[in-house]
Structures are given as structure tokens and as C-alpha cells.
Amino acid sequence: METNSNFVGNGKSIGRKIQVTLKWEDLKKLKKNDFKGQKLLTLDIIPLKQTSQWGHSHGVVEFIRQAKEEKAN
């Protein structure tokens, strides 16, 4: 998984979808973003290097905005 990311839960591929399992208490602790008066929570779903013994093929991590690299002229 990416470094500097807070692990939130697991996911597994089921056909064309990825099913995720998250702890509600963990979600309530994460930083929310305000957008037009609404609180939003953004998470990233990333593939794991190896599927776990329980069939988890993806990890769910807290979204962390990356600094944009400046383009060379």
C-alpha cells in the first residue's frame, strides 16, 4: 500500500465490483471535507500486492491530497 496513508478497511473483487468492509467507528474519526454545506468523506481503494487468505484483493485508505508537481516549461 502507499505510504503515509491511513488504512481504513478491506475490499474484494466480486465480478465487476469491489465490495468493501469498513468499521463505522473508524470512519467517524476521519477528516471530512466541506463542500457547498455538505460534509464529504473521500477514500481511495487500492489493489493489494497479493490477495489475502480471506480473499481481500484491495485496501481502503484515507484520501491524502498529493502536492501537484510543477510542469517543466
PDB file of N, CA and C in Angstrom:
ATOM      1  N   MET A   1       0.830  -1.185   0.000  1.00  0.00           N
ATOM      2  CA  MET A   1       0.000   0.000   0.000  1.00  0.00           C
ATOM      3  C   MET A   1       0.872   1.245   0.000  1.00  0.00           C
ATOM      4  N   GLU A   2       0.264   2.355  -0.319  1.00  0.00           N
ATOM      5  CA  GLU A   2       1.000   3.611  -0.351  1.00  0.00           C
ATOM      6  C   GLU A   2       1.445   3.985   1.056  1.00  0.00           C
ATOM      7  N   THR A   3       2.542   4.692   1.159  1.00  0.00           N
ATOM      8  CA  THR A   3       2.987   5.171   2.452  1.00  0.00           C
ATOM      9  C   THR A   3       2.217   6.435   2.794  1.00  0.00           C
ATOM     10  N   ASN A   4       2.230   6.808   4.055  1.00  0.00           N
ATOM     11  CA  ASN A   4       1.542   7.995   4.562  1.00  0.00           C
ATOM     12  C   ASN A   4       0.033   7.932   4.357  1.00  0.00           C
ATOM     13  N   SER A   5      -0.550   6.754   4.284  1.00  0.00           N
ATOM     14  CA  SER A   5      -1.986   6.602   4.151  1.00  0.00           C
ATOM     15  C   SER A   5      -2.517   5.879   5.371  1.00  0.00           C
ATOM     16  N   ASN A   6      -3.664   6.302   5.856  1.00  0.00           N
ATOM     17  CA  ASN A   6      -4.296   5.632   6.981  1.00  0.00           C
ATOM     18  C   ASN A   6      -5.198   4.523   6.467  1.00  0.00           C
ATOM     19  N   PHE A   7      -4.882   3.289   6.856  1.00  0.00           N
ATOM     20  CA  PHE A   7      -5.666   2.131   6.461  1.00  0.00           C
ATOM     21  C   PHE A   7      -7.048   2.230   7.102  1.00  0.00           C
ATOM     22  N   VAL A   8      -8.081   1.973   6.325  1.00  0.00           N
ATOM     23  CA  VAL A   8      -9.454   2.089   6.818  1.00  0.00           C
ATOM     24  C   VAL A   8     -10.191   0.758   6.739  1.00  0.00           C
ATOM     25  N   GLY A   9      -9.936  -0.051   5.702  1.00  0.00           N
ATOM     26  CA  GLY A   9     -10.674  -1.303   5.557  1.00  0.00           C
ATOM     27  C   GLY A   9     -10.152  -2.137   4.409  1.00  0.00           C
ATOM     28  N   ASN A  10     -10.891  -3.207   4.110  1.00  0.00           N
ATOM     29  CA  ASN A  10     -10.514  -4.154   3.063  1.00  0.00           C
ATOM     30  C   ASN A  10     -11.584  -4.233   1.994  1.00  0.00           C
ATOM     31  N   GLY A  11     -11.178  -4.712   0.836  1.00  0.00           N
ATOM     32  CA  GLY A  11     -12.128  -4.926  -0.246  1.00  0.00           C
ATOM     33  C   GLY A  11     -11.777  -6.180  -1.013  1.00  0.00           C
ATOM     34  N   LYS A  12     -12.786  -6.707  -1.705  1.00  0.00           N
ATOM     35  CA  LYS A  12     -12.531  -7.867  -2.559  1.00  0.00           C
ATOM     36  C   LYS A  12     -13.306  -7.716  -3.850  1.00  0.00           C
ATOM     37  N   SER A  13     -12.719  -8.213  -4.923  1.00  0.00           N
ATOM     38  CA  SER A  13     -13.365  -8.172  -6.231  1.00  0.00           C
ATOM     39  C   SER A  13     -14.437  -9.248  -6.288  1.00  0.00           C
ATOM     40  N   ILE A  14     -15.637  -8.819  -6.683  1.00  0.00           N
ATOM     41  CA  ILE A  14     -16.738  -9.751  -6.902  1.00  0.00           C
ATOM     42  C   ILE A  14     -17.328  -9.381  -8.252  1.00  0.00           C
ATOM     43  N   GLY A  15     -16.944 -10.126  -9.264  1.00  0.00           N
ATOM     44  CA  GLY A  15     -17.372  -9.791 -10.623  1.00  0.00           C
ATOM     45  C   GLY A  15     -16.780  -8.451 -11.035  1.00  0.00           C
ATOM     46  N   ARG A  16     -17.650  -7.520 -11.426  1.00  0.00           N
ATOM     47  CA  ARG A  16     -17.194  -6.205 -11.882  1.00  0.00           C
ATOM     48  C   ARG A  16     -17.156  -5.165 -10.778  1.00  0.00           C
ATOM     49  N   LYS A  17     -17.448  -5.559  -9.550  1.00  0.00           N
ATOM     50  CA  LYS A  17     -17.470  -4.582  -8.460  1.00  0.00           C
ATOM     51  C   LYS A  17     -16.426  -4.930  -7.406  1.00  0.00           C
ATOM     52  N   ILE A  18     -16.140  -3.960  -6.554  1.00  0.00           N
ATOM     53  CA  ILE A  18     -15.261  -4.181  -5.410  1.00  0.00           C
ATOM     54  C   ILE A  18     -16.106  -3.940  -4.166  1.00  0.00           C
ATOM     55  N   GLN A  19     -16.261  -4.965  -3.360  1.00  0.00           N
ATOM     56  CA  GLN A  19     -17.026  -4.871  -2.127  1.00  0.00           C
ATOM     57  C   GLN A  19     -16.071  -4.499  -0.997  1.00  0.00           C
ATOM     58  N   VAL A  20     -16.398  -3.453  -0.231  1.00  0.00           N
ATOM     59  CA  VAL A  20     -15.515  -3.010   0.847  1.00  0.00           C
ATOM     60  C   VAL A  20     -16.188  -3.209   2.197  1.00  0.00           C
ATOM     61  N   THR A  21     -15.361  -3.478   3.201  1.00  0.00           N
ATOM     62  CA  THR A  21     -15.815  -3.630   4.573  1.00  0.00           C
ATOM     63  C   THR A  21     -15.063  -2.614   5.421  1.00  0.00           C
ATOM     64  N   LEU A  22     -15.821  -1.775   6.117  1.00  0.00           N
ATOM     65  CA  LEU A  22     -15.246  -0.700   6.914  1.00  0.00           C
ATOM     66  C   LEU A  22     -15.876  -0.685   8.300  1.00  0.00           C
ATOM     67  N   LYS A  23     -15.117  -0.270   9.306  1.00  0.00           N
ATOM     68  CA  LYS A  23     -15.660  -0.106  10.651  1.00  0.00           C
ATOM     69  C   LYS A  23     -16.259   1.298  10.761  1.00  0.00           C
ATOM     70  N   TRP A  24     -17.514   1.369  11.148  1.00  0.00           N
ATOM     71  CA  TRP A  24     -18.204   2.654  11.261  1.00  0.00           C
ATOM     72  C   TRP A  24     -17.470   3.590  12.232  1.00  0.00           C
ATOM     73  N   GLU A  25     -16.996   3.081  13.344  1.00  0.00           N
ATOM     74  CA  GLU A  25     -16.295   3.911  14.331  1.00  0.00           C
ATOM     75  C   GLU A  25     -15.032   4.531  13.740  1.00  0.00           C
ATOM     76  N   ASP A  26     -14.329   3.789  12.873  1.00  0.00           N
ATOM     77  CA  ASP A  26     -13.129   4.325  12.230  1.00  0.00           C
ATOM     78  C   ASP A  26     -13.483   5.448  11.259  1.00  0.00           C
ATOM     79  N   LEU A  27     -14.577   5.271  10.524  1.00  0.00           N
ATOM     80  CA  LEU A  27     -14.992   6.292   9.557  1.00  0.00           C
ATOM     81  C   LEU A  27     -15.353   7.607  10.244  1.00  0.00           C
ATOM     82  N   LYS A  28     -15.985   7.526  11.395  1.00  0.00           N
ATOM     83  CA  LYS A  28     -16.404   8.742  12.100  1.00  0.00           C
ATOM     84  C   LYS A  28     -15.206   9.573  12.555  1.00  0.00           C
ATOM     85  N   LYS A  29     -14.035   8.947  12.705  1.00  0.00           N
ATOM     86  CA  LYS A  29     -12.833   9.647  13.172  1.00  0.00           C
ATOM     87  C   LYS A  29     -12.073  10.346  12.049  1.00  0.00           C
ATOM     88  N   LEU A  30     -12.353   9.995  10.787  1.00  0.00           N
ATOM     89  CA  LEU A  30     -11.607  10.551   9.662  1.00  0.00           C
ATOM     90  C   LEU A  30     -12.018  11.981   9.354  1.00  0.00           C
ATOM     91  N   LYS A  31     -11.093  12.722   8.767  1.00  0.00           N
ATOM     92  CA  LYS A  31     -11.330  14.110   8.388  1.00  0.00           C
ATOM     93  C   LYS A  31     -12.360  14.180   7.259  1.00  0.00           C
ATOM     94  N   LYS A  32     -13.336  15.047   7.452  1.00  0.00           N
ATOM     95  CA  LYS A  32     -14.340  15.284   6.416  1.00  0.00           C
ATOM     96  C   LYS A  32     -14.043  16.609   5.733  1.00  0.00           C
ATOM     97  N   ASN A  33     -14.427  16.724   4.474  1.00  0.00           N
ATOM     98  CA  ASN A  33     -14.276  17.960   3.721  1.00  0.00           C
ATOM     99  C   ASN A  33     -15.635  18.621   3.596  1.00  0.00           C
ATOM    100  N   ASP A  34     -15.670  19.946   3.683  1.00  0.00           N
ATOM    101  CA  ASP A  34     -16.912  20.681   3.469  1.00  0.00           C
ATOM    102  C   ASP A  34     -16.972  21.124   2.019  1.00  0.00           C
ATOM    103  N   PHE A  35     -18.108  20.856   1.384  1.00  0.00           N
ATOM    104  CA  PHE A  35     -18.323  21.268   0.005  1.00  0.00           C
ATOM    105  C   PHE A  35     -19.771  21.710  -0.125  1.00  0.00           C
ATOM    106  N   LYS A  36     -19.952  22.991  -0.360  1.00  0.00           N
ATOM    107  CA  LYS A  36     -21.293  23.558  -0.536  1.00  0.00           C
ATOM    108  C   LYS A  36     -22.229  23.171   0.600  1.00  0.00           C
ATOM    109  N   GLY A  37     -21.715  23.264   1.836  1.00  0.00           N
ATOM    110  CA  GLY A  37     -22.534  22.993   3.006  1.00  0.00           C
ATOM    111  C   GLY A  37     -22.726  21.528   3.348  1.00  0.00           C
ATOM    112  N   GLN A  38     -22.089  20.636   2.612  1.00  0.00           N
ATOM    113  CA  GLN A  38     -22.202  19.207   2.893  1.00  0.00           C
ATOM    114  C   GLN A  38     -20.862  18.662   3.353  1.00  0.00           C
ATOM    115  N   LYS A  39     -20.891  17.723   4.285  1.00  0.00           N
ATOM    116  CA  LYS A  39     -19.660  17.068   4.725  1.00  0.00           C
ATOM    117  C   LYS A  39     -19.438  15.839   3.859  1.00  0.00           C
ATOM    118  N   LEU A  40     -18.246  15.754   3.277  1.00  0.00           N
ATOM    119  CA  LEU A  40     -17.894  14.643   2.392  1.00  0.00           C
ATOM    120  C   LEU A  40     -16.689  13.898   2.944  1.00  0.00           C
ATOM    121  N   LEU A  41     -16.653  12.608   2.725  1.00  0.00           N
ATOM    122  CA  LEU A  41     -15.529  11.767   3.114  1.00  0.00           C
ATOM    123  C   LEU A  41     -14.996  11.119   1.846  1.00  0.00           C
ATOM    124  N   THR A  42     -13.717  11.311   1.558  1.00  0.00           N
ATOM    125  CA  THR A  42     -13.115  10.739   0.353  1.00  0.00           C
ATOM    126  C   THR A  42     -12.137   9.648   0.764  1.00  0.00           C
ATOM    127  N   LEU A  43     -12.293   8.473   0.179  1.00  0.00           N
ATOM    128  CA  LEU A  43     -11.417   7.332   0.436  1.00  0.00           C
ATOM    129  C   LEU A  43     -10.861   6.832  -0.884  1.00  0.00           C
ATOM    130  N   ASP A  44      -9.714   6.194  -0.833  1.00  0.00           N
ATOM    131  CA  ASP A  44      -9.108   5.582  -2.016  1.00  0.00           C
ATOM    132  C   ASP A  44      -9.151   4.065  -1.865  1.00  0.00           C
ATOM    133  N   ILE A  45      -9.445   3.385  -2.950  1.00  0.00           N
ATOM    134  CA  ILE A  45      -9.408   1.926  -2.987  1.00  0.00           C
ATOM    135  C   ILE A  45      -8.225   1.547  -3.866  1.00  0.00           C
ATOM    136  N   ILE A  46      -7.280   0.821  -3.273  1.00  0.00           N
ATOM    137  CA  ILE A  46      -6.055   0.488  -3.998  1.00  0.00           C
ATOM    138  C   ILE A  46      -5.856  -1.032  -4.014  1.00  0.00           C
ATOM    139  N   PRO A  47      -5.308  -1.555  -5.105  1.00  0.00           N
ATOM    140  CA  PRO A  47      -5.074  -3.001  -5.170  1.00  0.00           C
ATOM    141  C   PRO A  47      -3.935  -3.416  -4.236  1.00  0.00           C
ATOM    142  N   LEU A  48      -4.098  -4.568  -3.606  1.00  0.00           N
ATOM    143  CA  LEU A  48      -3.032  -5.126  -2.773  1.00  0.00           C
ATOM    144  C   LEU A  48      -2.063  -5.898  -3.663  1.00  0.00           C
ATOM    145  N   LYS A  49      -0.841  -6.051  -3.212  1.00  0.00           N
ATOM    146  CA  LYS A  49       0.154  -6.794  -3.988  1.00  0.00           C
ATOM    147  C   LYS A  49      -0.227  -8.266  -4.090  1.00  0.00           C
ATOM    148  N   GLN A  50      -0.883  -8.772  -3.037  1.00  0.00           N
ATOM    149  CA  GLN A  50      -1.249 -10.182  -3.014  1.00  0.00           C
ATOM    150  C   GLN A  50      -2.605 -10.321  -2.325  1.00  0.00           C
ATOM    151  N   THR A  51      -3.468 -11.165  -2.834  1.00  0.00           N
ATOM    152  CA  THR A  51      -4.771 -11.415  -2.226  1.00  0.00           C
ATOM    153  C   THR A  51      -4.577 -12.124  -0.891  1.00  0.00           C
ATOM    154  N   SER A  52      -5.321 -11.684   0.128  1.00  0.00           N
ATOM    155  CA  SER A  52      -5.186 -12.273   1.460  1.00  0.00           C
ATOM    156  C   SER A  52      -5.866 -13.643   1.524  1.00  0.00           C
ATOM    157  N   GLN A  53      -5.667 -14.328   2.632  1.00  0.00           N
ATOM    158  CA  GLN A  53      -6.278 -15.647   2.813  1.00  0.00           C
ATOM    159  C   GLN A  53      -7.799 -15.569   2.884  1.00  0.00           C
ATOM    160  N   TRP A  54      -8.358 -14.362   3.118  1.00  0.00           N
ATOM    161  CA  TRP A  54      -9.807 -14.167   3.174  1.00  0.00           C
ATOM    162  C   TRP A  54     -10.358 -13.635   1.857  1.00  0.00           C
ATOM    163  N   GLY A  55      -9.511 -13.557   0.835  1.00  0.00           N
ATOM    164  CA  GLY A  55      -9.957 -13.105  -0.478  1.00  0.00           C
ATOM    165  C   GLY A  55      -9.923 -11.599  -0.675  1.00  0.00           C
ATOM    166  N   HIS A  56      -9.342 -10.865   0.283  1.00  0.00           N
ATOM    167  CA  HIS A  56      -9.243  -9.410   0.132  1.00  0.00           C
ATOM    168  C   HIS A  56      -8.182  -9.078  -0.905  1.00  0.00           C
ATOM    169  N   SER A  57      -8.598  -8.364  -1.934  1.00  0.00           N
ATOM    170  CA  SER A  57      -7.693  -8.015  -3.027  1.00  0.00           C
ATOM    171  C   SER A  57      -7.398  -6.515  -3.074  1.00  0.00           C
ATOM    172  N   HIS A  58      -8.099  -5.741  -2.239  1.00  0.00           N
ATOM    173  CA  HIS A  58      -7.950  -4.289  -2.231  1.00  0.00           C
ATOM    174  C   HIS A  58      -7.912  -3.758  -0.796  1.00  0.00           C
ATOM    175  N   GLY A  59      -7.260  -2.632  -0.641  1.00  0.00           N
ATOM    176  CA  GLY A  59      -7.248  -1.930   0.632  1.00  0.00           C
ATOM    177  C   GLY A  59      -7.965  -0.601   0.478  1.00  0.00           C
ATOM    178  N   VAL A  60      -8.570  -0.151   1.556  1.00  0.00           N
ATOM    179  CA  VAL A  60      -9.241   1.144   1.567  1.00  0.00           C
ATOM    180  C   VAL A  60      -8.444   2.040   2.498  1.00  0.00           C
ATOM    181  N   VAL A  61      -8.026   3.200   1.983  1.00  0.00           N
ATOM    182  CA  VAL A  61      -7.212   4.129   2.759  1.00  0.00           C
ATOM    183  C   VAL A  61      -7.820   5.524   2.710  1.00  0.00           C
ATOM    184  N   GLU A  62      -7.498   6.310   3.730  1.00  0.00           N
ATOM    185  CA  GLU A  62      -7.938   7.696   3.777  1.00  0.00           C
ATOM    186  C   GLU A  62      -7.285   8.469   2.639  1.00  0.00           C
ATOM    187  N   PHE A  63      -8.061   9.274   1.936  1.00  0.00           N
ATOM    188  CA  PHE A  63      -7.539  10.094   0.846  1.00  0.00           C
ATOM    189  C   PHE A  63      -6.625  11.168   1.419  1.00  0.00           C
ATOM    190  N   ILE A  64      -5.437  11.274   0.858  1.00  0.00           N
ATOM    191  CA  ILE A  64      -4.490  12.323   1.237  1.00  0.00           C
ATOM    192  C   ILE A  64      -4.102  13.044  -0.040  1.00  0.00           C
ATOM    193  N   ARG A  65      -4.429  14.338  -0.083  1.00  0.00           N
ATOM    194  CA  ARG A  65      -4.135  15.126  -1.275  1.00  0.00           C
ATOM    195  C   ARG A  65      -2.618  15.205  -1.489  1.00  0.00           C
ATOM    196  N   GLN A  66      -2.175  14.872  -2.688  1.00  0.00           N
ATOM    197  CA  GLN A  66      -0.757  14.931  -3.045  1.00  0.00           C
ATOM    198  C   GLN A  66      -0.452  16.278  -3.656  1.00  0.00           C
ATOM    199  N   ALA A  67       0.687  16.832  -3.335  1.00  0.00           N
ATOM    200  CA  ALA A  67       1.106  18.098  -3.932  1.00  0.00           C
ATOM    201  C   ALA A  67       1.329  17.892  -5.429  1.00  0.00           C
ATOM    202  N   LYS A  68       0.816  18.805  -6.218  1.00  0.00           N
ATOM    203  CA  LYS A  68       0.992  18.694  -7.666  1.00  0.00           C
ATOM    204  C   LYS A  68       2.399  19.103  -8.043  1.00  0.00           C
ATOM    205  N   GLU A  69       2.978  18.316  -8.938  1.00  0.00           N
ATOM    206  CA  GLU A  69       4.320  18.642  -9.408  1.00  0.00           C
ATOM    207  C   GLU A  69       4.214  19.724 -10.474  1.00  0.00           C
ATOM    208  N   GLU A  70       5.135  20.679 -10.420  1.00  0.00           N
ATOM    209  CA  GLU A  70       5.127  21.736 -11.418  1.00  0.00           C
ATOM    210  C   GLU A  70       5.641  21.188 -12.733  1.00  0.00           C
ATOM    211  N   LYS A  71       4.972  21.574 -13.808  1.00  0.00           N
ATOM    212  CA  LYS A  71       5.388  21.129 -15.137  1.00  0.00           C
ATOM    213  C   LYS A  71       6.593  21.954 -15.604  1.00  0.00           C
ATOM    214  N   ALA A  72       7.535  21.284 -16.234  1.00  0.00           N
ATOM    215  CA  ALA A  72       8.705  21.980 -16.792  1.00  0.00           C
ATOM    216  C   ALA A  72       8.295  22.739 -18.045  1.00  0.00           C
ATOM    217  N   ASN A  73       8.820  23.910 -18.211  1.00  0.00           N
ATOM    218  CA  ASN A  73       8.491  24.725 -19.409  1.00  0.00           C
ATOM    219  C   ASN A  73       9.303  24.297 -20.596  1.00  0.00           C
TER     220      ASN A  73
END
